[in-house]
C-alpha cells in the first residue's frame, strides 16, 4: 500500500489526532470510513508502531503519533492548500455566518467549526450569539442553532430545519439548598421556593412540568431569577441559590454523579425541547457551502448529543435510585 508516501494517509492521522474519532475524520476529509481506517492501519504497519490508543474514546494519539503529527502537519497543510488552489482559481475564501446559544458555542460548536475550517481551508466563520429566525430569513446569518423547532409555515415558510436532538430536563437542586429550604414533593410545592429560570430571545422559562405527558398546574415560585446562559444557571444552582427546571442535565453529568447536584420530583420534567440547525431554504438549495456545512454539522451533532443525552439520562436515574 505504501502509505508513508501517501499525503492523504498523513492527513488522516493529523485530523484523527485532533478529533479522536475516525468517523469524524472521514466526514471532514469527505471520504469513506474504511479508506481512512486502511490509511491509518497501513501507516502503523509500515512504521512498526501504534499511532492511537483505540481502547479509549476519543482515540488518544500515542507519543510517537504526536511527534509525527508535529512534523507532518505543515506538509499536510501545504498539500491541502495546493489542492484547493489548483481546483479553484483564484483561491476561494468564503465566510459563513453562524449563530448558536452562547454556552453551546463555548462548550461544543466552536470545536466543530474549527475542525470544519481545517478540513475546508476556503471556509471561515463569523460567529454570533443566539438569534431569532428573522436573522436567517434576512440573510444576516447563514446557519443557526435553535433550541426549538421553528414553524415552517406562514412566516417561517422559507426555513429549512435539521433537528439533531430532542431531550427533556429533570428538576434539579443542590443539597445545600434543600437542607436549608426543604425538598418539594409536588410541583405545587415550588411556590415556596426560588426558581432559577432560563429565558432567551427564543424561549420563555418553563411554565409547566410534565409526567407521562400530563402537564402540572401552572408553576408558581416564591421568587425567580432568569438568565439567558445555561452556564450561569449551573453556577447559581451549585451556589445553592434555588431550584431549576430549565438546566440541560448534559451540562452537569459530573455534578449529578458526584452528588453536588441532585434531581428531585421524580417523574416530573420540563417539556421536551428539540435542538435544530436551520438555514434559509433557497440558500440551502442553491449554496453548496451552506448546504454541505449545515448537513455535516447536523449529522455530527446528532451523533454526539445522542450519546450525551443517553449518558445524562442514565446518570439521573442512578441518582434517583441512590436517593431511594
C-alpha atoms as a PDB file:
ATOM      1  CA  UNK A   1       0.000   0.000   0.000  1.00  0.00           C
ATOM      2  CA  UNK A   2       3.000   2.304   0.724  1.00  0.00           C
ATOM      3  CA  UNK A   3       1.050   4.667   2.963  1.00  0.00           C
ATOM      4  CA  UNK A   4       4.215   6.511   4.016  1.00  0.00           C
ATOM      5  CA  UNK A   5       4.257   8.219   0.615  1.00  0.00           C
ATOM      6  CA  UNK A   6       0.533   8.987   0.681  1.00  0.00           C
ATOM      7  CA  UNK A   7      -0.130  12.526   1.935  1.00  0.00           C
ATOM      8  CA  UNK A   8      -3.816  11.719   2.348  1.00  0.00           C
ATOM      9  CA  UNK A   9      -2.858   9.000   4.832  1.00  0.00           C
ATOM     10  CA  UNK A  10      -0.809  11.504   6.814  1.00  0.00           C
ATOM     11  CA  UNK A  11      -3.687  13.979   6.662  1.00  0.00           C
ATOM     12  CA  UNK A  12      -5.954  11.287   8.125  1.00  0.00           C
ATOM     13  CA  UNK A  13      -3.536  10.836  11.033  1.00  0.00           C
ATOM     14  CA  UNK A  14      -3.239  14.593  11.647  1.00  0.00           C
ATOM     15  CA  UNK A  15      -7.012  15.082  11.707  1.00  0.00           C
ATOM     16  CA  UNK A  16      -7.675  11.985  13.837  1.00  0.00           C
ATOM     17  CA  UNK A  17      -5.083  13.166  16.367  1.00  0.00           C
ATOM     18  CA  UNK A  18      -7.300  16.218  16.837  1.00  0.00           C
ATOM     19  CA  UNK A  19     -10.770  14.660  16.567  1.00  0.00           C
ATOM     20  CA  UNK A  20     -10.063  11.336  18.276  1.00  0.00           C
ATOM     21  CA  UNK A  21     -12.694   9.825  16.006  1.00  0.00           C
ATOM     22  CA  UNK A  22     -12.060   8.079  12.666  1.00  0.00           C
ATOM     23  CA  UNK A  23     -15.676   8.537  11.585  1.00  0.00           C
ATOM     24  CA  UNK A  24     -15.401  12.295  12.030  1.00  0.00           C
ATOM     25  CA  UNK A  25     -12.098  12.275  10.175  1.00  0.00           C
ATOM     26  CA  UNK A  26     -13.800  10.559   7.229  1.00  0.00           C
ATOM     27  CA  UNK A  27     -16.550  13.188   7.259  1.00  0.00           C
ATOM     28  CA  UNK A  28     -14.054  16.053   7.367  1.00  0.00           C
ATOM     29  CA  UNK A  29     -12.000  14.551   4.534  1.00  0.00           C
ATOM     30  CA  UNK A  30     -15.200  13.782   2.602  1.00  0.00           C
ATOM     31  CA  UNK A  31     -14.209  10.160   2.079  1.00  0.00           C
ATOM     32  CA  UNK A  32     -15.411   6.803   3.358  1.00  0.00           C
ATOM     33  CA  UNK A  33     -14.615   5.344   6.776  1.00  0.00           C
ATOM     34  CA  UNK A  34     -12.950   2.089   5.567  1.00  0.00           C
ATOM     35  CA  UNK A  35     -10.480   4.069   3.481  1.00  0.00           C
ATOM     36  CA  UNK A  36      -9.436   6.238   6.433  1.00  0.00           C
ATOM     37  CA  UNK A  37      -9.093   3.144   8.597  1.00  0.00           C
ATOM     38  CA  UNK A  38      -6.895   1.459   5.947  1.00  0.00           C
ATOM     39  CA  UNK A  39      -4.677   4.537   5.680  1.00  0.00           C
ATOM     40  CA  UNK A  40      -4.068   4.692   9.427  1.00  0.00           C
ATOM     41  CA  UNK A  41      -3.595   0.925   9.815  1.00  0.00           C
ATOM     42  CA  UNK A  42      -1.265   0.898   6.824  1.00  0.00           C
ATOM     43  CA  UNK A  43       0.893   3.638   8.293  1.00  0.00           C
ATOM     44  CA  UNK A  44       1.030   1.815  11.632  1.00  0.00           C
ATOM     45  CA  UNK A  45       2.131  -1.380   9.875  1.00  0.00           C
ATOM     46  CA  UNK A  46       4.782   0.330   7.771  1.00  0.00           C
ATOM     47  CA  UNK A  47       6.122   2.362  10.695  1.00  0.00           C
ATOM     48  CA  UNK A  48       6.007  -0.589  13.079  1.00  0.00           C
ATOM     49  CA  UNK A  49       4.313   1.480  15.779  1.00  0.00           C
ATOM     50  CA  UNK A  50       0.800   2.112  17.070  1.00  0.00           C
ATOM     51  CA  UNK A  51      -0.385   5.652  16.407  1.00  0.00           C
ATOM     52  CA  UNK A  52      -3.554   5.654  18.509  1.00  0.00           C
ATOM     53  CA  UNK A  53      -4.787   4.103  21.737  1.00  0.00           C
ATOM     54  CA  UNK A  54      -8.057   2.601  20.472  1.00  0.00           C
ATOM     55  CA  UNK A  55      -9.084   1.399  23.945  1.00  0.00           C
ATOM     56  CA  UNK A  56     -10.066   4.980  24.832  1.00  0.00           C
ATOM     57  CA  UNK A  57     -12.862   7.146  23.455  1.00  0.00           C
ATOM     58  CA  UNK A  58     -11.994   9.503  21.887  1.00  0.00           C
ATOM     59  CA  UNK A  59      -8.876   7.822  20.475  1.00  0.00           C
ATOM     60  CA  UNK A  60      -5.716   9.152  22.115  1.00  0.00           C
ATOM     61  CA  UNK A  61      -2.579   9.693  19.978  1.00  0.00           C
ATOM     62  CA  UNK A  62       0.488   7.852  21.210  1.00  0.00           C
ATOM     63  CA  UNK A  63       3.713   9.732  21.935  1.00  0.00           C
ATOM     64  CA  UNK A  64       5.101   8.504  18.600  1.00  0.00           C
ATOM     65  CA  UNK A  65       1.996   9.785  16.831  1.00  0.00           C
ATOM     66  CA  UNK A  66       2.271  13.223  18.467  1.00  0.00           C
ATOM     67  CA  UNK A  67       5.884  13.507  17.303  1.00  0.00           C
ATOM     68  CA  UNK A  68       4.946  12.541  13.744  1.00  0.00           C
ATOM     69  CA  UNK A  69       1.976  14.911  13.672  1.00  0.00           C
ATOM     70  CA  UNK A  70       4.225  17.864  14.563  1.00  0.00           C
ATOM     71  CA  UNK A  71       6.414  17.037  11.565  1.00  0.00           C
ATOM     72  CA  UNK A  72       3.635  16.091   9.154  1.00  0.00           C
ATOM     73  CA  UNK A  73       1.109  18.846   9.831  1.00  0.00           C
ATOM     74  CA  UNK A  74       2.950  21.610   7.870  1.00  0.00           C
ATOM     75  CA  UNK A  75       3.307  19.231   4.903  1.00  0.00           C
ATOM     76  CA  UNK A  76      -0.360  18.251   5.065  1.00  0.00           C
ATOM     77  CA  UNK A  77      -1.446  21.870   5.307  1.00  0.00           C
ATOM     78  CA  UNK A  78       0.675  22.813   2.314  1.00  0.00           C
ATOM     79  CA  UNK A  79      -0.646  19.846   0.323  1.00  0.00           C
ATOM     80  CA  UNK A  80      -4.262  20.738   1.110  1.00  0.00           C
ATOM     81  CA  UNK A  81      -3.653  24.385   0.207  1.00  0.00           C
ATOM     82  CA  UNK A  82      -2.101  23.347  -3.105  1.00  0.00           C
ATOM     83  CA  UNK A  83      -5.118  21.164  -3.926  1.00  0.00           C
ATOM     84  CA  UNK A  84      -7.508  23.990  -3.077  1.00  0.00           C
ATOM     85  CA  UNK A  85      -5.551  26.478  -5.184  1.00  0.00           C
ATOM     86  CA  UNK A  86      -5.383  24.122  -8.173  1.00  0.00           C
ATOM     87  CA  UNK A  87      -9.089  23.311  -8.040  1.00  0.00           C
ATOM     88  CA  UNK A  88     -10.204  26.896  -7.516  1.00  0.00           C
ATOM     89  CA  UNK A  89      -8.662  29.737  -9.445  1.00  0.00           C
ATOM     90  CA  UNK A  90      -8.274  32.202  -7.896  1.00  0.00           C
ATOM     91  CA  UNK A  91      -8.149  30.727  -4.341  1.00  0.00           C
ATOM     92  CA  UNK A  92     -11.637  30.858  -2.880  1.00  0.00           C
ATOM     93  CA  UNK A  93     -12.377  32.382   0.523  1.00  0.00           C
ATOM     94  CA  UNK A  94     -15.866  32.120   1.977  1.00  0.00           C
ATOM     95  CA  UNK A  95     -17.091  33.410   5.329  1.00  0.00           C
ATOM     96  CA  UNK A  96     -20.118  31.610   6.775  1.00  0.00           C
ATOM     97  CA  UNK A  97     -22.061  33.450   9.474  1.00  0.00           C
ATOM     98  CA  UNK A  98     -23.003  31.075  12.284  1.00  0.00           C
ATOM     99  CA  UNK A  99     -25.106  31.646  15.407  1.00  0.00           C
ATOM    100  CA  UNK A 100     -25.832  29.466  18.456  1.00  0.00           C
ATOM    101  CA  UNK A 101     -26.696  29.769  22.159  1.00  0.00           C
ATOM    102  CA  UNK A 102     -23.608  31.057  23.910  1.00  0.00           C
ATOM    103  CA  UNK A 103     -22.973  28.040  26.146  1.00  0.00           C
ATOM    104  CA  UNK A 104     -23.215  25.633  23.198  1.00  0.00           C
ATOM    105  CA  UNK A 105     -20.745  27.747  21.232  1.00  0.00           C
ATOM    106  CA  UNK A 106     -18.286  27.677  24.128  1.00  0.00           C
ATOM    107  CA  UNK A 107     -18.638  24.031  25.088  1.00  0.00           C
ATOM    108  CA  UNK A 108     -19.267  22.326  21.756  1.00  0.00           C
ATOM    109  CA  UNK A 109     -19.763  24.096  18.436  1.00  0.00           C
ATOM    110  CA  UNK A 110     -16.543  26.131  18.438  1.00  0.00           C
ATOM    111  CA  UNK A 111     -14.571  22.870  18.221  1.00  0.00           C
ATOM    112  CA  UNK A 112     -16.679  21.642  15.298  1.00  0.00           C
ATOM    113  CA  UNK A 113     -16.268  24.947  13.441  1.00  0.00           C
ATOM    114  CA  UNK A 114     -12.515  24.700  13.884  1.00  0.00           C
ATOM    115  CA  UNK A 115     -12.443  21.118  12.615  1.00  0.00           C
ATOM    116  CA  UNK A 116     -14.519  22.033   9.586  1.00  0.00           C
ATOM    117  CA  UNK A 117     -12.408  25.073   8.706  1.00  0.00           C
ATOM    118  CA  UNK A 118      -9.198  22.996   8.904  1.00  0.00           C
ATOM    119  CA  UNK A 119     -10.650  20.367   6.584  1.00  0.00           C
ATOM    120  CA  UNK A 120     -12.022  23.101   4.260  1.00  0.00           C
ATOM    121  CA  UNK A 121      -9.372  25.880   4.168  1.00  0.00           C
ATOM    122  CA  UNK A 122     -11.533  28.028   1.914  1.00  0.00           C
ATOM    123  CA  UNK A 123     -14.227  28.286   4.608  1.00  0.00           C
ATOM    124  CA  UNK A 124     -14.045  30.715   7.527  1.00  0.00           C
ATOM    125  CA  UNK A 125     -16.625  31.509  10.195  1.00  0.00           C
ATOM    126  CA  UNK A 126     -18.041  34.627  11.750  1.00  0.00           C
ATOM    127  CA  UNK A 127     -19.755  33.616  14.992  1.00  0.00           C
ATOM    128  CA  UNK A 128     -22.774  35.304  16.589  1.00  0.00           C
ATOM    129  CA  UNK A 129     -24.736  34.636  19.785  1.00  0.00           C
ATOM    130  CA  UNK A 130     -28.236  33.172  19.584  1.00  0.00           C
ATOM    131  CA  UNK A 131     -30.502  34.867  17.022  1.00  0.00           C
ATOM    132  CA  UNK A 132     -34.153  34.790  16.042  1.00  0.00           C
ATOM    133  CA  UNK A 133     -35.386  33.098  12.883  1.00  0.00           C
ATOM    134  CA  UNK A 134     -35.667  36.536  11.285  1.00  0.00           C
ATOM    135  CA  UNK A 135     -31.867  36.825  11.187  1.00  0.00           C
ATOM    136  CA  UNK A 136     -31.699  33.726   8.975  1.00  0.00           C
ATOM    137  CA  UNK A 137     -34.605  34.848   6.801  1.00  0.00           C
ATOM    138  CA  UNK A 138     -32.996  38.271   6.252  1.00  0.00           C
ATOM    139  CA  UNK A 139     -29.644  36.729   5.341  1.00  0.00           C
ATOM    140  CA  UNK A 140     -27.767  38.245   8.301  1.00  0.00           C
ATOM    141  CA  UNK A 141     -26.904  34.710   9.448  1.00  0.00           C
ATOM    142  CA  UNK A 142     -26.314  31.698   7.171  1.00  0.00           C
ATOM    143  CA  UNK A 143     -26.647  28.830   9.661  1.00  0.00           C
ATOM    144  CA  UNK A 144     -28.153  28.999  13.159  1.00  0.00           C
ATOM    145  CA  UNK A 145     -28.689  26.649  16.080  1.00  0.00           C
ATOM    146  CA  UNK A 146     -32.134  26.848  17.674  1.00  0.00           C
ATOM    147  CA  UNK A 147     -33.299  25.299  20.957  1.00  0.00           C
ATOM    148  CA  UNK A 148     -36.769  24.777  19.492  1.00  0.00           C
ATOM    149  CA  UNK A 149     -38.204  23.689  16.158  1.00  0.00           C
ATOM    150  CA  UNK A 150     -39.365  26.857  14.357  1.00  0.00           C
ATOM    151  CA  UNK A 151     -42.512  26.900  12.287  1.00  0.00           C
ATOM    152  CA  UNK A 152     -42.059  26.013   8.632  1.00  0.00           C
ATOM    153  CA  UNK A 153     -45.337  27.521   7.509  1.00  0.00           C
ATOM    154  CA  UNK A 154     -46.534  31.068   7.417  1.00  0.00           C
ATOM    155  CA  UNK A 155     -43.771  33.479   8.447  1.00  0.00           C
ATOM    156  CA  UNK A 156     -41.231  30.647   8.609  1.00  0.00           C
ATOM    157  CA  UNK A 157     -42.052  29.075   5.247  1.00  0.00           C
ATOM    158  CA  UNK A 158     -38.542  29.750   3.908  1.00  0.00           C
ATOM    159  CA  UNK A 159     -36.719  27.951   6.746  1.00  0.00           C
ATOM    160  CA  UNK A 160     -35.113  24.528   6.326  1.00  0.00           C
ATOM    161  CA  UNK A 161     -34.879  22.629   9.623  1.00  0.00           C
ATOM    162  CA  UNK A 162     -32.459  19.828  10.547  1.00  0.00           C
ATOM    163  CA  UNK A 163     -33.286  18.501  14.024  1.00  0.00           C
ATOM    164  CA  UNK A 164     -30.349  16.902  15.820  1.00  0.00           C
ATOM    165  CA  UNK A 165     -31.522  16.223  19.391  1.00  0.00           C
ATOM    166  CA  UNK A 166     -34.708  16.015  21.471  1.00  0.00           C
ATOM    167  CA  UNK A 167     -34.436  15.824  25.248  1.00  0.00           C
ATOM    168  CA  UNK A 168     -36.233  16.637  28.471  1.00  0.00           C
ATOM    169  CA  UNK A 169     -34.848  18.142  31.663  1.00  0.00           C
ATOM    170  CA  UNK A 170     -35.491  16.985  35.243  1.00  0.00           C
ATOM    171  CA  UNK A 171     -35.932  19.319  38.198  1.00  0.00           C
ATOM    172  CA  UNK A 172     -32.544  19.955  39.824  1.00  0.00           C
ATOM    173  CA  UNK A 173     -31.260  21.430  43.077  1.00  0.00           C
ATOM    174  CA  UNK A 174     -28.129  21.489  45.243  1.00  0.00           C
ATOM    175  CA  UNK A 175     -28.178  19.521  48.527  1.00  0.00           C
ATOM    176  CA  UNK A 176     -27.255  22.680  50.474  1.00  0.00           C
ATOM    177  CA  UNK A 177     -30.314  24.487  49.158  1.00  0.00           C
ATOM    178  CA  UNK A 178     -32.609  21.580  50.035  1.00  0.00           C
ATOM    179  CA  UNK A 179     -31.097  21.308  53.522  1.00  0.00           C
ATOM    180  CA  UNK A 180     -31.925  24.950  54.190  1.00  0.00           C
ATOM    181  CA  UNK A 181     -35.264  25.209  52.416  1.00  0.00           C
ATOM    182  CA  UNK A 182     -36.725  21.702  52.368  1.00  0.00           C
ATOM    183  CA  UNK A 183     -37.410  19.443  49.402  1.00  0.00           C
ATOM    184  CA  UNK A 184     -40.612  19.942  47.388  1.00  0.00           C
ATOM    185  CA  UNK A 185     -42.743  16.825  46.970  1.00  0.00           C
ATOM    186  CA  UNK A 186     -45.006  18.066  44.175  1.00  0.00           C
ATOM    187  CA  UNK A 187     -44.822  20.791  41.523  1.00  0.00           C
ATOM    188  CA  UNK A 188     -47.305  22.815  43.600  1.00  0.00           C
ATOM    189  CA  UNK A 189     -44.718  22.954  46.419  1.00  0.00           C
ATOM    190  CA  UNK A 190     -42.421  25.075  44.233  1.00  0.00           C
ATOM    191  CA  UNK A 191     -44.437  28.105  45.330  1.00  0.00           C
ATOM    192  CA  UNK A 192     -42.303  28.008  48.489  1.00  0.00           C
ATOM    193  CA  UNK A 193     -39.010  28.059  46.585  1.00  0.00           C
ATOM    194  CA  UNK A 194     -36.757  30.232  44.429  1.00  0.00           C
ATOM    195  CA  UNK A 195     -36.843  29.374  40.739  1.00  0.00           C
ATOM    196  CA  UNK A 196     -33.677  29.615  38.643  1.00  0.00           C
ATOM    197  CA  UNK A 197     -35.089  30.036  35.153  1.00  0.00           C
ATOM    198  CA  UNK A 198     -33.750  30.006  31.599  1.00  0.00           C
ATOM    199  CA  UNK A 199     -35.070  32.699  29.260  1.00  0.00           C
ATOM    200  CA  UNK A 200     -33.736  33.641  25.828  1.00  0.00           C
ATOM    201  CA  UNK A 201     -34.881  35.627  22.832  1.00  0.00           C
ATOM    202  CA  UNK A 202     -36.441  32.394  21.541  1.00  0.00           C
ATOM    203  CA  UNK A 203     -37.689  30.691  24.724  1.00  0.00           C
ATOM    204  CA  UNK A 204     -39.683  31.574  27.798  1.00  0.00           C
ATOM    205  CA  UNK A 205     -38.987  29.824  31.123  1.00  0.00           C
ATOM    206  CA  UNK A 206     -40.849  26.597  31.783  1.00  0.00           C
ATOM    207  CA  UNK A 207     -44.410  27.241  32.890  1.00  0.00           C
ATOM    208  CA  UNK A 208     -45.412  23.602  33.375  1.00  0.00           C
ATOM    209  CA  UNK A 209     -43.874  20.273  34.268  1.00  0.00           C
ATOM    210  CA  UNK A 210     -44.971  17.032  32.635  1.00  0.00           C
ATOM    211  CA  UNK A 211     -45.333  13.487  33.938  1.00  0.00           C
ATOM    212  CA  UNK A 212     -46.272  10.766  31.447  1.00  0.00           C
ATOM    213  CA  UNK A 213     -47.286  13.516  29.038  1.00  0.00           C
ATOM    214  CA  UNK A 214     -49.709  15.120  31.512  1.00  0.00           C
ATOM    215  CA  UNK A 215     -48.986  18.749  32.479  1.00  0.00           C
ATOM    216  CA  UNK A 216     -48.898  20.080  36.006  1.00  0.00           C
ATOM    217  CA  UNK A 217     -50.742  23.189  37.062  1.00  0.00           C
ATOM    218  CA  UNK A 218     -49.090  26.485  36.105  1.00  0.00           C
ATOM    219  CA  UNK A 219     -45.803  26.705  38.019  1.00  0.00           C
ATOM    220  CA  UNK A 220     -45.569  29.344  40.735  1.00  0.00           C
ATOM    221  CA  UNK A 221     -42.454  30.401  42.641  1.00  0.00           C
ATOM    222  CA  UNK A 222     -41.780  32.414  45.769  1.00  0.00           C
ATOM    223  CA  UNK A 223     -39.285  34.413  43.677  1.00  0.00           C
ATOM    224  CA  UNK A 224     -37.363  33.880  40.457  1.00  0.00           C
ATOM    225  CA  UNK A 225     -34.052  34.658  38.799  1.00  0.00           C
ATOM    226  CA  UNK A 226     -33.814  34.417  34.996  1.00  0.00           C
ATOM    227  CA  UNK A 227     -30.738  34.158  32.784  1.00  0.00           C
ATOM    228  CA  UNK A 228     -30.076  33.527  29.083  1.00  0.00           C
ATOM    229  CA  UNK A 229     -26.938  31.460  29.824  1.00  0.00           C
ATOM    230  CA  UNK A 230     -27.069  27.801  30.842  1.00  0.00           C
ATOM    231  CA  UNK A 231     -23.637  28.032  32.483  1.00  0.00           C
ATOM    232  CA  UNK A 232     -24.791  30.923  34.681  1.00  0.00           C
ATOM    233  CA  UNK A 233     -27.791  28.790  35.622  1.00  0.00           C
ATOM    234  CA  UNK A 234     -25.403  25.989  36.552  1.00  0.00           C
ATOM    235  CA  UNK A 235     -23.308  28.266  38.800  1.00  0.00           C
ATOM    236  CA  UNK A 236     -26.381  29.628  40.571  1.00  0.00           C
ATOM    237  CA  UNK A 237     -27.587  26.079  41.141  1.00  0.00           C
ATOM    238  CA  UNK A 238     -24.209  24.951  42.519  1.00  0.00           C
ATOM    239  CA  UNK A 239     -24.251  28.009  44.783  1.00  0.00           C
ATOM    240  CA  UNK A 240     -27.401  26.717  46.450  1.00  0.00           C
ATOM    241  CA  UNK A 241     -29.484  29.692  45.354  1.00  0.00           C
ATOM    242  CA  UNK A 242     -32.584  27.896  44.092  1.00  0.00           C
ATOM    243  CA  UNK A 243     -34.221  25.118  42.070  1.00  0.00           C
ATOM    244  CA  UNK A 244     -34.230  24.890  38.282  1.00  0.00           C
ATOM    245  CA  UNK A 245     -36.474  23.170  35.783  1.00  0.00           C
ATOM    246  CA  UNK A 246     -34.523  24.507  32.798  1.00  0.00           C
ATOM    247  CA  UNK A 247     -30.907  23.307  33.025  1.00  0.00           C
ATOM    248  CA  UNK A 248     -29.971  20.681  30.431  1.00  0.00           C
ATOM    249  CA  UNK A 249     -28.546  17.863  32.538  1.00  0.00           C
ATOM    250  CA  UNK A 250     -25.988  17.083  29.832  1.00  0.00           C
ATOM    251  CA  UNK A 251     -24.136  20.147  31.202  1.00  0.00           C
ATOM    252  CA  UNK A 252     -23.986  18.707  34.730  1.00  0.00           C
ATOM    253  CA  UNK A 253     -23.415  14.957  34.341  1.00  0.00           C
ATOM    254  CA  UNK A 254     -20.326  15.004  36.568  1.00  0.00           C
ATOM    255  CA  UNK A 255     -22.017  17.156  39.205  1.00  0.00           C
ATOM    256  CA  UNK A 256     -25.023  14.821  39.372  1.00  0.00           C
ATOM    257  CA  UNK A 257     -22.748  11.769  39.554  1.00  0.00           C
ATOM    258  CA  UNK A 258     -20.812  13.289  42.457  1.00  0.00           C
ATOM    259  CA  UNK A 259     -23.929  14.442  44.321  1.00  0.00           C
ATOM    260  CA  UNK A 260     -23.138  18.164  44.017  1.00  0.00           C
ATOM    261  CA  UNK A 261     -26.495  18.467  42.200  1.00  0.00           C
ATOM    262  CA  UNK A 262     -29.462  16.163  42.776  1.00  0.00           C
ATOM    263  CA  UNK A 263     -32.619  15.537  40.722  1.00  0.00           C
ATOM    264  CA  UNK A 264     -35.917  15.918  42.596  1.00  0.00           C
ATOM    265  CA  UNK A 265     -39.645  15.409  41.852  1.00  0.00           C
ATOM    266  CA  UNK A 266     -39.044  12.056  40.154  1.00  0.00           C
ATOM    267  CA  UNK A 267     -41.175  11.587  37.069  1.00  0.00           C
ATOM    268  CA  UNK A 268     -41.716  15.316  36.510  1.00  0.00           C
ATOM    269  CA  UNK A 269     -39.795  17.021  33.702  1.00  0.00           C
ATOM    270  CA  UNK A 270     -39.969  20.145  31.631  1.00  0.00           C
ATOM    271  CA  UNK A 271     -41.497  19.882  28.183  1.00  0.00           C
ATOM    272  CA  UNK A 272     -39.121  18.300  25.677  1.00  0.00           C
ATOM    273  CA  UNK A 273     -37.075  20.666  23.592  1.00  0.00           C
ATOM    274  CA  UNK A 274     -35.849  19.925  20.091  1.00  0.00           C
ATOM    275  CA  UNK A 275     -32.473  21.285  19.047  1.00  0.00           C
ATOM    276  CA  UNK A 276     -32.187  22.243  15.369  1.00  0.00           C
ATOM    277  CA  UNK A 277     -29.814  23.538  12.725  1.00  0.00           C
ATOM    278  CA  UNK A 278     -31.680  25.966  10.469  1.00  0.00           C
ATOM    279  CA  UNK A 279     -30.904  27.598   7.148  1.00  0.00           C
ATOM    280  CA  UNK A 280     -32.893  29.617   4.642  1.00  0.00           C
ATOM    281  CA  UNK A 281     -34.418  27.160   2.186  1.00  0.00           C
ATOM    282  CA  UNK A 282     -33.381  28.913  -1.024  1.00  0.00           C
ATOM    283  CA  UNK A 283     -29.776  29.223   0.151  1.00  0.00           C
ATOM    284  CA  UNK A 284     -29.733  25.615   1.281  1.00  0.00           C
ATOM    285  CA  UNK A 285     -30.763  24.580  -2.225  1.00  0.00           C
ATOM    286  CA  UNK A 286     -28.513  26.898  -4.233  1.00  0.00           C
ATOM    287  CA  UNK A 287     -25.486  27.497  -1.976  1.00  0.00           C
ATOM    288  CA  UNK A 288     -23.341  24.366  -1.756  1.00  0.00           C
ATOM    289  CA  UNK A 289     -21.167  25.805   1.030  1.00  0.00           C
ATOM    290  CA  UNK A 290     -24.156  26.488   3.277  1.00  0.00           C
ATOM    291  CA  UNK A 291     -25.830  23.165   2.497  1.00  0.00           C
ATOM    292  CA  UNK A 292     -22.744  20.989   2.984  1.00  0.00           C
ATOM    293  CA  UNK A 293     -21.776  22.669   6.249  1.00  0.00           C
ATOM    294  CA  UNK A 294     -25.303  22.565   7.707  1.00  0.00           C
ATOM    295  CA  UNK A 295     -25.720  18.928   6.724  1.00  0.00           C
ATOM    296  CA  UNK A 296     -22.346  17.937   8.182  1.00  0.00           C
ATOM    297  CA  UNK A 297     -22.975  19.903  11.387  1.00  0.00           C
ATOM    298  CA  UNK A 298     -26.395  18.341  11.971  1.00  0.00           C
ATOM    299  CA  UNK A 299     -25.021  14.827  11.461  1.00  0.00           C
ATOM    300  CA  UNK A 300     -22.079  15.394  13.812  1.00  0.00           C
ATOM    301  CA  UNK A 301     -24.284  16.966  16.491  1.00  0.00           C
ATOM    302  CA  UNK A 302     -26.914  14.222  16.225  1.00  0.00           C
ATOM    303  CA  UNK A 303     -24.298  11.547  16.884  1.00  0.00           C
ATOM    304  CA  UNK A 304     -22.640  13.378  19.774  1.00  0.00           C
ATOM    305  CA  UNK A 305     -25.809  14.534  21.523  1.00  0.00           C
ATOM    306  CA  UNK A 306     -27.392  11.094  21.285  1.00  0.00           C
ATOM    307  CA  UNK A 307     -24.500   9.788  23.364  1.00  0.00           C
ATOM    308  CA  UNK A 308     -24.546  12.758  25.728  1.00  0.00           C
ATOM    309  CA  UNK A 309     -28.298  12.625  26.340  1.00  0.00           C
ATOM    310  CA  UNK A 310     -28.191   8.877  26.971  1.00  0.00           C
ATOM    311  CA  UNK A 311     -25.385   9.366  29.497  1.00  0.00           C
ATOM    312  CA  UNK A 312     -27.290  12.179  31.194  1.00  0.00           C
ATOM    313  CA  UNK A 313     -30.469  10.116  31.421  1.00  0.00           C
ATOM    314  CA  UNK A 314     -28.570   7.184  32.920  1.00  0.00           C
ATOM    315  CA  UNK A 315     -26.862   9.463  35.451  1.00  0.00           C
ATOM    316  CA  UNK A 316     -30.173  10.986  36.559  1.00  0.00           C
ATOM    317  CA  UNK A 317     -31.812   7.578  37.019  1.00  0.00           C
ATOM    318  CA  UNK A 318     -28.873   6.367  39.090  1.00  0.00           C
ATOM    319  CA  UNK A 319     -29.097   9.491  41.268  1.00  0.00           C
ATOM    320  CA  UNK A 320     -32.813   8.875  41.893  1.00  0.00           C
ATOM    321  CA  UNK A 321     -32.080   5.240  42.743  1.00  0.00           C
ATOM    322  CA  UNK A 322     -29.407   6.249  45.254  1.00  0.00           C
ATOM    323  CA  UNK A 323     -31.823   8.661  46.920  1.00  0.00           C
ATOM    324  CA  UNK A 324     -34.493   5.954  47.172  1.00  0.00           C
END
